[in-house]
Amino acid sequence: MNVREIVERYLRENGFEGLFSQIGECGCPLSDFMPCYGEDIADCEPGYSVKAGDYYGPDDEYDGEPDDIIIVPEKPKVMP
């Protein structure tokens, strides 16, 4: 088992949905795990999937589309 497999297994077993890095301003869901091949993984943290439009407000600087899936540090709150 390599480091990539160990990290992916840990994330799955603990309910995380990917990695993100505030320093590198990037993230990867488990469905597209470590496309960087771990080059900058030292700054990555476990996170959760959300739609960008549900996370960023209209005044935030986000260059993507509102339906883009991003990884964030907090688990999204479920609306009743």
N, C-alpha and C. Protein backbone atom coordinates (compact mmCIF):
# COMPACT_ATOMS: atom_id res chain seq x y z
N MET A 1 0.86 -1.18 0.00
CA MET A 1 0.00 0.00 0.00
C MET A 1 0.90 1.24 0.00
N ASN A 2 0.60 2.20 -0.88
CA ASN A 2 1.41 3.42 -0.93
C ASN A 2 0.72 4.56 -0.17
N VAL A 3 1.39 5.69 -0.07
CA VAL A 3 0.87 6.83 0.71
C VAL A 3 -0.47 7.32 0.16
N ARG A 4 -0.58 7.36 -1.14
CA ARG A 4 -1.83 7.81 -1.77
C ARG A 4 -2.99 6.90 -1.33
N GLU A 5 -2.78 5.61 -1.37
CA GLU A 5 -3.81 4.65 -0.97
C GLU A 5 -4.13 4.76 0.53
N ILE A 6 -3.12 4.99 1.34
CA ILE A 6 -3.33 5.14 2.79
C ILE A 6 -4.19 6.37 3.08
N VAL A 7 -3.86 7.49 2.44
CA VAL A 7 -4.60 8.73 2.65
C VAL A 7 -6.05 8.58 2.16
N GLU A 8 -6.22 8.01 0.97
CA GLU A 8 -7.57 7.83 0.44
C GLU A 8 -8.40 6.92 1.35
N ARG A 9 -7.81 5.85 1.84
CA ARG A 9 -8.53 4.94 2.74
C ARG A 9 -8.93 5.65 4.03
N TYR A 10 -8.00 6.43 4.61
CA TYR A 10 -8.30 7.19 5.83
C TYR A 10 -9.48 8.14 5.61
N LEU A 11 -9.45 8.87 4.50
CA LEU A 11 -10.52 9.82 4.23
C LEU A 11 -11.87 9.11 4.13
N ARG A 12 -11.92 8.03 3.38
CA ARG A 12 -13.18 7.28 3.21
C ARG A 12 -13.68 6.73 4.55
N GLU A 13 -12.78 6.14 5.32
CA GLU A 13 -13.17 5.53 6.60
C GLU A 13 -13.62 6.55 7.64
N ASN A 14 -13.24 7.82 7.45
CA ASN A 14 -13.60 8.85 8.42
C ASN A 14 -14.62 9.85 7.89
N GLY A 15 -15.26 9.52 6.78
CA GLY A 15 -16.36 10.32 6.28
C GLY A 15 -15.99 11.57 5.51
N PHE A 16 -14.72 11.73 5.15
CA PHE A 16 -14.31 12.89 4.36
C PHE A 16 -14.55 12.60 2.88
N GLU A 17 -14.62 13.68 2.09
CA GLU A 17 -14.95 13.53 0.68
C GLU A 17 -13.84 14.01 -0.25
N GLY A 18 -12.70 14.37 0.31
CA GLY A 18 -11.58 14.81 -0.52
C GLY A 18 -10.57 15.57 0.29
N LEU A 19 -9.67 16.24 -0.42
CA LEU A 19 -8.63 17.07 0.19
C LEU A 19 -8.74 18.50 -0.32
N PHE A 20 -8.30 19.45 0.49
CA PHE A 20 -8.22 20.83 0.04
C PHE A 20 -6.99 21.46 0.64
N SER A 21 -6.55 22.55 0.04
CA SER A 21 -5.40 23.29 0.55
C SER A 21 -5.70 24.77 0.47
N GLN A 22 -5.73 25.44 1.61
CA GLN A 22 -5.94 26.88 1.60
C GLN A 22 -4.71 27.60 1.07
N ILE A 23 -3.55 27.02 1.28
CA ILE A 23 -2.31 27.63 0.80
C ILE A 23 -2.25 27.54 -0.72
N GLY A 24 -2.53 26.36 -1.25
CA GLY A 24 -2.47 26.16 -2.69
C GLY A 24 -3.75 26.51 -3.41
N GLU A 25 -4.80 26.87 -2.66
CA GLU A 25 -6.10 27.20 -3.21
C GLU A 25 -6.56 26.13 -4.20
N CYS A 26 -6.49 24.87 -3.77
CA CYS A 26 -6.93 23.79 -4.63
C CYS A 26 -7.65 22.74 -3.79
N GLY A 27 -8.26 21.81 -4.44
CA GLY A 27 -8.93 20.72 -3.77
C GLY A 27 -9.21 19.60 -4.74
N CYS A 28 -9.40 18.40 -4.19
CA CYS A 28 -9.71 17.27 -5.05
C CYS A 28 -10.69 16.35 -4.33
N PRO A 29 -11.79 16.01 -5.00
CA PRO A 29 -12.73 15.05 -4.42
C PRO A 29 -12.16 13.64 -4.58
N LEU A 30 -12.69 12.69 -3.84
CA LEU A 30 -12.22 11.31 -3.95
C LEU A 30 -12.43 10.75 -5.35
N SER A 31 -13.40 11.27 -6.08
CA SER A 31 -13.64 10.80 -7.45
C SER A 31 -12.54 11.22 -8.43
N ASP A 32 -11.75 12.22 -8.07
CA ASP A 32 -10.61 12.66 -8.88
C ASP A 32 -9.46 12.92 -7.91
N PHE A 33 -9.06 11.86 -7.22
CA PHE A 33 -8.14 11.99 -6.10
C PHE A 33 -6.70 12.20 -6.52
N MET A 34 -6.09 13.22 -5.95
CA MET A 34 -4.69 13.56 -6.15
C MET A 34 -4.28 13.64 -7.63
N PRO A 35 -4.96 14.49 -8.41
CA PRO A 35 -4.52 14.64 -9.80
C PRO A 35 -3.11 15.24 -9.89
N CYS A 36 -2.66 15.84 -8.79
CA CYS A 36 -1.31 16.40 -8.75
C CYS A 36 -0.27 15.33 -8.43
N TYR A 37 -0.74 14.09 -8.20
CA TYR A 37 0.13 12.96 -7.83
C TYR A 37 0.88 13.23 -6.55
N GLY A 38 0.28 14.03 -5.65
CA GLY A 38 0.85 14.25 -4.34
C GLY A 38 2.00 15.23 -4.29
N GLU A 39 2.22 16.00 -5.37
CA GLU A 39 3.34 16.94 -5.41
C GLU A 39 3.27 17.98 -4.30
N ASP A 40 2.08 18.46 -3.99
CA ASP A 40 1.91 19.51 -2.98
C ASP A 40 1.05 19.03 -1.81
N ILE A 41 1.02 17.77 -1.55
CA ILE A 41 0.11 17.21 -0.55
C ILE A 41 0.43 17.63 0.89
N ALA A 42 1.63 18.11 1.15
CA ALA A 42 2.02 18.47 2.52
C ALA A 42 1.10 19.53 3.12
N ASP A 43 0.46 20.36 2.32
CA ASP A 43 -0.42 21.42 2.81
C ASP A 43 -1.89 21.03 2.78
N CYS A 44 -2.22 19.83 2.32
CA CYS A 44 -3.61 19.41 2.17
C CYS A 44 -4.22 18.99 3.50
N GLU A 45 -5.54 19.19 3.58
CA GLU A 45 -6.33 18.82 4.76
C GLU A 45 -7.58 18.07 4.29
N PRO A 46 -8.14 17.22 5.13
CA PRO A 46 -9.39 16.55 4.77
C PRO A 46 -10.53 17.56 4.65
N GLY A 47 -11.47 17.28 3.77
CA GLY A 47 -12.59 18.19 3.61
C GLY A 47 -13.83 17.50 3.07
N TYR A 48 -14.83 18.33 2.75
CA TYR A 48 -16.14 17.86 2.33
C TYR A 48 -16.55 18.54 1.03
N SER A 49 -17.37 17.86 0.23
CA SER A 49 -17.83 18.37 -1.06
C SER A 49 -19.02 19.30 -0.90
N VAL A 50 -18.98 20.42 -1.61
CA VAL A 50 -20.13 21.33 -1.70
C VAL A 50 -20.15 21.95 -3.09
N LYS A 51 -21.30 22.47 -3.49
CA LYS A 51 -21.36 23.25 -4.72
C LYS A 51 -20.78 24.63 -4.42
N ALA A 52 -19.98 25.13 -5.32
CA ALA A 52 -19.33 26.42 -5.12
C ALA A 52 -20.34 27.52 -4.84
N GLY A 53 -21.48 27.49 -5.52
CA GLY A 53 -22.51 28.51 -5.32
C GLY A 53 -23.13 28.49 -3.94
N ASP A 54 -23.06 27.33 -3.27
CA ASP A 54 -23.59 27.22 -1.91
C ASP A 54 -22.56 27.68 -0.88
N TYR A 55 -21.31 27.80 -1.29
CA TYR A 55 -20.23 28.14 -0.36
C TYR A 55 -19.78 29.59 -0.51
N TYR A 56 -19.65 30.03 -1.74
CA TYR A 56 -19.19 31.39 -1.98
C TYR A 56 -20.36 32.34 -2.16
N GLY A 57 -20.27 33.50 -1.56
CA GLY A 57 -21.29 34.53 -1.73
C GLY A 57 -21.01 35.35 -2.98
N PRO A 58 -21.93 36.24 -3.34
CA PRO A 58 -21.76 37.03 -4.56
C PRO A 58 -20.57 37.98 -4.51
N ASP A 59 -20.11 38.35 -3.32
CA ASP A 59 -18.97 39.27 -3.20
C ASP A 59 -17.62 38.55 -3.09
N ASP A 60 -17.64 37.22 -3.02
CA ASP A 60 -16.40 36.46 -2.92
C ASP A 60 -15.73 36.34 -4.29
N GLU A 61 -14.43 36.20 -4.27
CA GLU A 61 -13.69 36.01 -5.51
C GLU A 61 -13.62 34.53 -5.84
N TYR A 62 -14.45 34.08 -6.75
CA TYR A 62 -14.41 32.70 -7.23
C TYR A 62 -14.57 32.74 -8.74
N ASP A 63 -13.63 32.14 -9.44
CA ASP A 63 -13.61 32.22 -10.90
C ASP A 63 -14.40 31.12 -11.61
N GLY A 64 -14.86 30.12 -10.85
CA GLY A 64 -15.54 28.99 -11.48
C GLY A 64 -17.04 29.21 -11.59
N GLU A 65 -17.72 28.12 -11.90
CA GLU A 65 -19.16 28.13 -12.06
C GLU A 65 -19.84 27.77 -10.73
N PRO A 66 -21.06 28.27 -10.47
CA PRO A 66 -21.76 27.97 -9.22
C PRO A 66 -22.00 26.48 -8.98
N ASP A 67 -22.11 25.68 -10.06
CA ASP A 67 -22.36 24.24 -9.91
C ASP A 67 -21.07 23.42 -9.76
N ASP A 68 -19.91 24.06 -9.81
CA ASP A 68 -18.65 23.34 -9.59
C ASP A 68 -18.64 22.73 -8.21
N ILE A 69 -18.12 21.52 -8.09
CA ILE A 69 -17.96 20.87 -6.79
C ILE A 69 -16.58 21.24 -6.26
N ILE A 70 -16.55 21.76 -5.04
CA ILE A 70 -15.29 22.13 -4.39
C ILE A 70 -15.20 21.40 -3.05
N ILE A 71 -14.00 21.35 -2.50
CA ILE A 71 -13.78 20.72 -1.20
C ILE A 71 -13.50 21.82 -0.18
N VAL A 72 -14.22 21.77 0.94
CA VAL A 72 -14.12 22.80 1.98
C VAL A 72 -13.86 22.15 3.34
N PRO A 73 -13.39 22.93 4.33
CA PRO A 73 -13.03 22.34 5.61
C PRO A 73 -14.22 21.93 6.49
N GLU A 74 -15.35 22.60 6.33
CA GLU A 74 -16.49 22.31 7.21
C GLU A 74 -17.49 21.42 6.50
N LYS A 75 -18.09 20.50 7.26
CA LYS A 75 -19.14 19.66 6.71
C LYS A 75 -20.38 20.52 6.46
N PRO A 76 -20.97 20.46 5.28
CA PRO A 76 -22.14 21.29 4.98
C PRO A 76 -23.31 20.96 5.91
N LYS A 77 -24.04 21.99 6.30
CA LYS A 77 -25.22 21.79 7.13
C LYS A 77 -26.36 21.32 6.25
N VAL A 78 -27.09 20.35 6.74
CA VAL A 78 -28.25 19.81 6.00
C VAL A 78 -29.46 20.67 6.35
N MET A 79 -30.10 21.17 5.32
CA MET A 79 -31.30 21.99 5.52
C MET A 79 -32.50 21.06 5.75
N PRO A 80 -33.36 21.40 6.71
CA PRO A 80 -34.54 20.53 6.99
C PRO A 80 -35.53 20.56 5.85
